[in-house]
Amino acid sequence: MKIIFLLIAVGLVIALGFLGAFLWAVKSGQYDDDYTPSVRILFDDNKKEKK
């Protein structure tokens, strides 16, 4: 029975860690740009070199 309580506690700590990492990513702006990736293929990234 003790192992069940230990596993629940460890699971909660891991879940809170992932929640904290997700909230940090949202706060730091990791998910702000959701338009550019869908049209990035349309942009021409090949730069012509001068000789």
PDB file of N, CA and C in Angstrom:
ATOM      1  N   MET A   1       0.823  -1.196   0.000  1.00  0.00           N
ATOM      2  CA  MET A   1       0.000   0.000   0.000  1.00  0.00           C
ATOM      3  C   MET A   1       0.864   1.256   0.000  1.00  0.00           C
ATOM      4  N   LYS A   2       2.030   1.152   0.623  1.00  0.00           N
ATOM      5  CA  LYS A   2       2.919   2.315   0.668  1.00  0.00           C
ATOM      6  C   LYS A   2       3.419   2.681  -0.726  1.00  0.00           C
ATOM      7  N   ILE A   3       3.627   1.676  -1.557  1.00  0.00           N
ATOM      8  CA  ILE A   3       4.144   1.940  -2.903  1.00  0.00           C
ATOM      9  C   ILE A   3       3.129   2.703  -3.742  1.00  0.00           C
ATOM     10  N   ILE A   4       1.833   2.474  -3.510  1.00  0.00           N
ATOM     11  CA  ILE A   4       0.806   3.207  -4.251  1.00  0.00           C
ATOM     12  C   ILE A   4       0.869   4.683  -3.901  1.00  0.00           C
ATOM     13  N   PHE A   5       1.011   4.988  -2.633  1.00  0.00           N
ATOM     14  CA  PHE A   5       1.117   6.388  -2.213  1.00  0.00           C
ATOM     15  C   PHE A   5       2.387   7.028  -2.757  1.00  0.00           C
ATOM     16  N   LEU A   6       3.461   6.269  -2.789  1.00  0.00           N
ATOM     17  CA  LEU A   6       4.719   6.777  -3.337  1.00  0.00           C
ATOM     18  C   LEU A   6       4.570   7.060  -4.824  1.00  0.00           C
ATOM     19  N   LEU A   7       3.951   6.144  -5.561  1.00  0.00           N
ATOM     20  CA  LEU A   7       3.770   6.347  -6.995  1.00  0.00           C
ATOM     21  C   LEU A   7       2.834   7.516  -7.285  1.00  0.00           C
ATOM     22  N   ILE A   8       1.804   7.700  -6.491  1.00  0.00           N
ATOM     23  CA  ILE A   8       0.912   8.847  -6.665  1.00  0.00           C
ATOM     24  C   ILE A   8       1.669  10.142  -6.423  1.00  0.00           C
ATOM     25  N   ALA A   9       2.482  10.179  -5.383  1.00  0.00           N
ATOM     26  CA  ALA A   9       3.255  11.379  -5.073  1.00  0.00           C
ATOM     27  C   ALA A   9       4.257  11.685  -6.190  1.00  0.00           C
ATOM     28  N   VAL A  10       4.940  10.668  -6.678  1.00  0.00           N
ATOM     29  CA  VAL A  10       5.916  10.867  -7.756  1.00  0.00           C
ATOM     30  C   VAL A  10       5.206  11.316  -9.027  1.00  0.00           C
ATOM     31  N   GLY A  11       4.062  10.730  -9.318  1.00  0.00           N
ATOM     32  CA  GLY A  11       3.283  11.129 -10.488  1.00  0.00           C
ATOM     33  C   GLY A  11       2.819  12.571 -10.398  1.00  0.00           C
ATOM     34  N   LEU A  12       2.391  12.990  -9.226  1.00  0.00           N
ATOM     35  CA  LEU A  12       1.967  14.380  -9.045  1.00  0.00           C
ATOM     36  C   LEU A  12       3.136  15.351  -9.210  1.00  0.00           C
ATOM     37  N   VAL A  13       4.291  14.991  -8.713  1.00  0.00           N
ATOM     38  CA  VAL A  13       5.470  15.854  -8.855  1.00  0.00           C
ATOM     39  C   VAL A  13       5.847  15.985 -10.330  1.00  0.00           C
ATOM     40  N   ILE A  14       5.820  14.890 -11.054  1.00  0.00           N
ATOM     41  CA  ILE A  14       6.150  14.931 -12.480  1.00  0.00           C
ATOM     42  C   ILE A  14       5.114  15.741 -13.247  1.00  0.00           C
ATOM     43  N   ALA A  15       3.833  15.534 -12.933  1.00  0.00           N
ATOM     44  CA  ALA A  15       2.768  16.280 -13.609  1.00  0.00           C
ATOM     45  C   ALA A  15       2.884  17.780 -13.328  1.00  0.00           C
ATOM     46  N   LEU A  16       3.193  18.146 -12.111  1.00  0.00           N
ATOM     47  CA  LEU A  16       3.374  19.565 -11.781  1.00  0.00           C
ATOM     48  C   LEU A  16       4.599  20.140 -12.479  1.00  0.00           C
ATOM     49  N   GLY A  17       5.623  19.327 -12.650  1.00  0.00           N
ATOM     50  CA  GLY A  17       6.803  19.775 -13.389  1.00  0.00           C
ATOM     51  C   GLY A  17       6.474  20.080 -14.842  1.00  0.00           C
ATOM     52  N   PHE A  18       5.719  19.188 -15.475  1.00  0.00           N
ATOM     53  CA  PHE A  18       5.312  19.427 -16.859  1.00  0.00           C
ATOM     54  C   PHE A  18       4.375  20.621 -16.964  1.00  0.00           C
ATOM     55  N   LEU A  19       3.482  20.782 -16.011  1.00  0.00           N
ATOM     56  CA  LEU A  19       2.591  21.941 -16.013  1.00  0.00           C
ATOM     57  C   LEU A  19       3.393  23.228 -15.871  1.00  0.00           C
ATOM     58  N   GLY A  20       4.377  23.231 -14.994  1.00  0.00           N
ATOM     59  CA  GLY A  20       5.235  24.403 -14.828  1.00  0.00           C
ATOM     60  C   GLY A  20       6.024  24.720 -16.088  1.00  0.00           C
ATOM     61  N   ALA A  21       6.539  23.687 -16.752  1.00  0.00           N
ATOM     62  CA  ALA A  21       7.277  23.908 -17.994  1.00  0.00           C
ATOM     63  C   ALA A  21       6.363  24.455 -19.086  1.00  0.00           C
ATOM     64  N   PHE A  22       5.135  23.952 -19.164  1.00  0.00           N
ATOM     65  CA  PHE A  22       4.181  24.452 -20.150  1.00  0.00           C
ATOM     66  C   PHE A  22       3.814  25.905 -19.874  1.00  0.00           C
ATOM     67  N   LEU A  23       3.550  26.234 -18.624  1.00  0.00           N
ATOM     68  CA  LEU A  23       3.205  27.621 -18.284  1.00  0.00           C
ATOM     69  C   LEU A  23       4.376  28.560 -18.551  1.00  0.00           C
ATOM     70  N   TRP A  24       5.600  28.109 -18.287  1.00  0.00           N
ATOM     71  CA  TRP A  24       6.775  28.922 -18.579  1.00  0.00           C
ATOM     72  C   TRP A  24       6.896  29.171 -20.081  1.00  0.00           C
ATOM     73  N   ALA A  25       6.640  28.123 -20.890  1.00  0.00           N
ATOM     74  CA  ALA A  25       6.735  28.264 -22.345  1.00  0.00           C
ATOM     75  C   ALA A  25       5.682  29.232 -22.862  1.00  0.00           C
ATOM     76  N   VAL A  26       4.476  29.160 -22.327  1.00  0.00           N
ATOM     77  CA  VAL A  26       3.423  30.077 -22.753  1.00  0.00           C
ATOM     78  C   VAL A  26       3.770  31.504 -22.347  1.00  0.00           C
ATOM     79  N   LYS A  27       4.280  31.667 -21.141  1.00  0.00           N
ATOM     80  CA  LYS A  27       4.624  33.006 -20.643  1.00  0.00           C
ATOM     81  C   LYS A  27       5.786  33.624 -21.416  1.00  0.00           C
ATOM     82  N   SER A  28       6.723  32.788 -21.859  1.00  0.00           N
ATOM     83  CA  SER A  28       7.884  33.315 -22.570  1.00  0.00           C
ATOM     84  C   SER A  28       7.621  33.508 -24.062  1.00  0.00           C
ATOM     85  N   GLY A  29       6.417  33.170 -24.536  1.00  0.00           N
ATOM     86  CA  GLY A  29       6.054  33.463 -25.910  1.00  0.00           C
ATOM     87  C   GLY A  29       6.359  32.374 -26.914  1.00  0.00           C
ATOM     88  N   GLN A  30       6.487  31.144 -26.478  1.00  0.00           N
ATOM     89  CA  GLN A  30       6.807  30.060 -27.403  1.00  0.00           C
ATOM     90  C   GLN A  30       5.667  29.760 -28.374  1.00  0.00           C
ATOM     91  N   TYR A  31       4.451  30.096 -28.009  1.00  0.00           N
ATOM     92  CA  TYR A  31       3.286  29.743 -28.824  1.00  0.00           C
ATOM     93  C   TYR A  31       2.609  30.968 -29.426  1.00  0.00           C
ATOM     94  N   ASP A  32       3.312  32.068 -29.561  1.00  0.00           N
ATOM     95  CA  ASP A  32       2.697  33.299 -30.048  1.00  0.00           C
ATOM     96  C   ASP A  32       2.428  33.284 -31.550  1.00  0.00           C
ATOM     97  N   ASP A  33       3.346  32.751 -32.333  1.00  0.00           N
ATOM     98  CA  ASP A  33       3.234  32.832 -33.785  1.00  0.00           C
ATOM     99  C   ASP A  33       2.629  31.555 -34.345  1.00  0.00           C
ATOM    100  N   ASP A  34       1.369  31.610 -34.718  1.00  0.00           N
ATOM    101  CA  ASP A  34       0.749  30.426 -35.286  1.00  0.00           C
ATOM    102  C   ASP A  34       0.348  30.629 -36.751  1.00  0.00           C
ATOM    103  N   TYR A  35       0.737  31.748 -37.351  1.00  0.00           N
ATOM    104  CA  TYR A  35       0.427  32.003 -38.753  1.00  0.00           C
ATOM    105  C   TYR A  35       1.625  31.729 -39.658  1.00  0.00           C
ATOM    106  N   THR A  36       2.786  32.204 -39.272  1.00  0.00           N
ATOM    107  CA  THR A  36       3.973  32.110 -40.122  1.00  0.00           C
ATOM    108  C   THR A  36       4.347  30.675 -40.504  1.00  0.00           C
ATOM    109  N   PRO A  37       4.318  29.697 -39.602  1.00  0.00           N
ATOM    110  CA  PRO A  37       4.703  28.346 -40.032  1.00  0.00           C
ATOM    111  C   PRO A  37       3.844  27.784 -41.162  1.00  0.00           C
ATOM    112  N   SER A  38       2.601  28.199 -41.241  1.00  0.00           N
ATOM    113  CA  SER A  38       1.741  27.645 -42.288  1.00  0.00           C
ATOM    114  C   SER A  38       2.033  28.251 -43.659  1.00  0.00           C
ATOM    115  N   VAL A  39       2.646  29.437 -43.707  1.00  0.00           N
ATOM    116  CA  VAL A  39       2.941  30.063 -44.996  1.00  0.00           C
ATOM    117  C   VAL A  39       4.445  30.182 -45.247  1.00  0.00           C
ATOM    118  N   ARG A  40       5.261  29.623 -44.378  1.00  0.00           N
ATOM    119  CA  ARG A  40       6.717  29.720 -44.530  1.00  0.00           C
ATOM    120  C   ARG A  40       7.185  29.072 -45.826  1.00  0.00           C
ATOM    121  N   ILE A  41       6.505  28.028 -46.255  1.00  0.00           N
ATOM    122  CA  ILE A  41       6.892  27.333 -47.487  1.00  0.00           C
ATOM    123  C   ILE A  41       6.724  28.241 -48.702  1.00  0.00           C
ATOM    124  N   LEU A  42       5.870  29.241 -48.613  1.00  0.00           N
ATOM    125  CA  LEU A  42       5.619  30.123 -49.739  1.00  0.00           C
ATOM    126  C   LEU A  42       6.694  31.199 -49.907  1.00  0.00           C
ATOM    127  N   PHE A  43       7.474  31.455 -48.868  1.00  0.00           N
ATOM    128  CA  PHE A  43       8.499  32.494 -48.933  1.00  0.00           C
ATOM    129  C   PHE A  43       9.748  31.955 -49.629  1.00  0.00           C
ATOM    130  N   ASP A  44      10.384  32.803 -50.406  1.00  0.00           N
ATOM    131  CA  ASP A  44      11.605  32.413 -51.099  1.00  0.00           C
ATOM    132  C   ASP A  44      12.797  32.777 -50.226  1.00  0.00           C
ATOM    133  N   ASP A  45      13.470  31.778 -49.701  1.00  0.00           N
ATOM    134  CA  ASP A  45      14.608  32.009 -48.820  1.00  0.00           C
ATOM    135  C   ASP A  45      15.944  31.977 -49.542  1.00  0.00           C
ATOM    136  N   ASN A  46      15.954  31.664 -50.828  1.00  0.00           N
ATOM    137  CA  ASN A  46      17.206  31.609 -51.583  1.00  0.00           C
ATOM    138  C   ASN A  46      17.702  33.029 -51.890  1.00  0.00           C
ATOM    139  N   LYS A  47      18.828  33.362 -51.324  1.00  0.00           N
ATOM    140  CA  LYS A  47      19.405  34.673 -51.549  1.00  0.00           C
ATOM    141  C   LYS A  47      20.428  34.573 -52.657  1.00  0.00           C
ATOM    142  N   LYS A  48      20.377  35.517 -53.580  1.00  0.00           N
ATOM    143  CA  LYS A  48      21.325  35.497 -54.689  1.00  0.00           C
ATOM    144  C   LYS A  48      22.648  36.099 -54.239  1.00  0.00           C
ATOM    145  N   GLU A  49      23.718  35.396 -54.549  1.00  0.00           N
ATOM    146  CA  GLU A  49      25.043  35.868 -54.186  1.00  0.00           C
ATOM    147  C   GLU A  49      25.614  36.740 -55.291  1.00  0.00           C
ATOM    148  N   LYS A  50      26.289  37.806 -54.895  1.00  0.00           N
ATOM    149  CA  LYS A  50      26.941  38.684 -55.862  1.00  0.00           C
ATOM    150  C   LYS A  50      28.313  38.118 -56.206  1.00  0.00           C
ATOM    151  N   LYS A  51      28.634  38.154 -57.491  1.00  0.00           N
ATOM    152  CA  LYS A  51      29.955  37.654 -57.917  1.00  0.00           C
ATOM    153  C   LYS A  51      30.851  38.780 -58.288  1.00  0.00           C
TER     154      LYS A  51
END
